[in-house]
Amino acid sequence: MQPPATVDPTRINLQSTIAVNYWCQVLRCSETQLRNAVLAVGPLPADVRTYLDR
């Protein structure tokens, strides 16, 4: 899935509704899970994916 033009594919921006919706779809998680993961491991998608997969 290609990110919308306004979404940075290298960092998860929790301030952007479009980005949050995109990453929730890509990572197959809820917004709460996404926010908790970013708070725990930072905004890098690979780190968030690893955190969510544990």
C-alpha atoms as a PDB file:
ATOM      1  CA  MET A   1       0.000   0.000   0.000  1.00  0.00           C
ATOM      2  CA  GLN A   2       1.445   3.342  -1.051  1.00  0.00           C
ATOM      3  CA  PRO A   3       1.269   6.106   1.544  1.00  0.00           C
ATOM      4  CA  PRO A   4      -0.671   9.250   0.656  1.00  0.00           C
ATOM      5  CA  ALA A   5       1.532  12.100  -0.552  1.00  0.00           C
ATOM      6  CA  THR A   6       1.209  13.842   2.821  1.00  0.00           C
ATOM      7  CA  VAL A   7       2.469  10.832   4.814  1.00  0.00           C
ATOM      8  CA  ASP A   8       6.180  10.393   5.533  1.00  0.00           C
ATOM      9  CA  PRO A   9       6.905   6.684   4.943  1.00  0.00           C
ATOM     10  CA  THR A  10       9.950   6.793   7.249  1.00  0.00           C
ATOM     11  CA  ARG A  11       8.317   8.150  10.422  1.00  0.00           C
ATOM     12  CA  ILE A  12       4.929   7.814  12.092  1.00  0.00           C
ATOM     13  CA  ASN A  13       3.435  11.247  12.748  1.00  0.00           C
ATOM     14  CA  LEU A  14       0.784  10.979  15.446  1.00  0.00           C
ATOM     15  CA  GLN A  15      -0.251  14.604  14.854  1.00  0.00           C
ATOM     16  CA  SER A  16      -1.649  13.777  11.409  1.00  0.00           C
ATOM     17  CA  THR A  17      -5.011  12.015  11.186  1.00  0.00           C
ATOM     18  CA  ILE A  18      -4.199  10.867   7.663  1.00  0.00           C
ATOM     19  CA  ALA A  19      -0.896   9.381   8.823  1.00  0.00           C
ATOM     20  CA  VAL A  20      -2.473   7.677  11.836  1.00  0.00           C
ATOM     21  CA  ASN A  21      -5.187   6.128   9.664  1.00  0.00           C
ATOM     22  CA  TYR A  22      -2.616   5.001   7.100  1.00  0.00           C
ATOM     23  CA  TRP A  23      -0.314   3.392   9.672  1.00  0.00           C
ATOM     24  CA  CYS A  24      -3.220   1.691  11.461  1.00  0.00           C
ATOM     25  CA  GLN A  25      -4.169   0.059   8.158  1.00  0.00           C
ATOM     26  CA  VAL A  26      -0.606  -0.909   7.257  1.00  0.00           C
ATOM     27  CA  LEU A  27       0.229  -2.266  10.706  1.00  0.00           C
ATOM     28  CA  ARG A  28      -3.251  -3.737  11.281  1.00  0.00           C
ATOM     29  CA  CYS A  29      -3.683  -2.160  14.688  1.00  0.00           C
ATOM     30  CA  SER A  30      -5.987   0.232  16.466  1.00  0.00           C
ATOM     31  CA  GLU A  31      -5.158   3.891  16.954  1.00  0.00           C
ATOM     32  CA  THR A  32      -4.602   3.260  20.657  1.00  0.00           C
ATOM     33  CA  GLN A  33      -2.191   0.418  19.924  1.00  0.00           C
ATOM     34  CA  LEU A  34      -0.335   2.600  17.421  1.00  0.00           C
ATOM     35  CA  ARG A  35      -0.048   5.522  19.836  1.00  0.00           C
ATOM     36  CA  ASN A  36       1.136   3.269  22.669  1.00  0.00           C
ATOM     37  CA  ALA A  37       3.724   1.631  20.413  1.00  0.00           C
ATOM     38  CA  VAL A  38       5.098   4.979  19.216  1.00  0.00           C
ATOM     39  CA  LEU A  39       5.303   6.197  22.808  1.00  0.00           C
ATOM     40  CA  ALA A  40       7.157   3.011  23.793  1.00  0.00           C
ATOM     41  CA  VAL A  41       9.658   2.680  20.927  1.00  0.00           C
ATOM     42  CA  GLY A  42       9.576   5.883  18.897  1.00  0.00           C
ATOM     43  CA  PRO A  43       8.247   6.842  15.465  1.00  0.00           C
ATOM     44  CA  LEU A  44      10.189   4.463  13.221  1.00  0.00           C
ATOM     45  CA  PRO A  45       7.789   2.074  11.457  1.00  0.00           C
ATOM     46  CA  ALA A  46      10.114  -0.943  11.742  1.00  0.00           C
ATOM     47  CA  ASP A  47      10.437  -0.479  15.505  1.00  0.00           C
ATOM     48  CA  VAL A  48       6.684  -0.022  15.882  1.00  0.00           C
ATOM     49  CA  ARG A  49       6.001  -3.161  13.806  1.00  0.00           C
ATOM     50  CA  THR A  50       8.386  -5.180  15.980  1.00  0.00           C
ATOM     51  CA  TYR A  51       6.756  -3.842  19.134  1.00  0.00           C
ATOM     52  CA  LEU A  52       3.260  -4.678  17.877  1.00  0.00           C
ATOM     53  CA  ASP A  53       4.302  -8.188  16.754  1.00  0.00           C
ATOM     54  CA  ARG A  54       5.608  -9.194  20.168  1.00  0.00           C
END
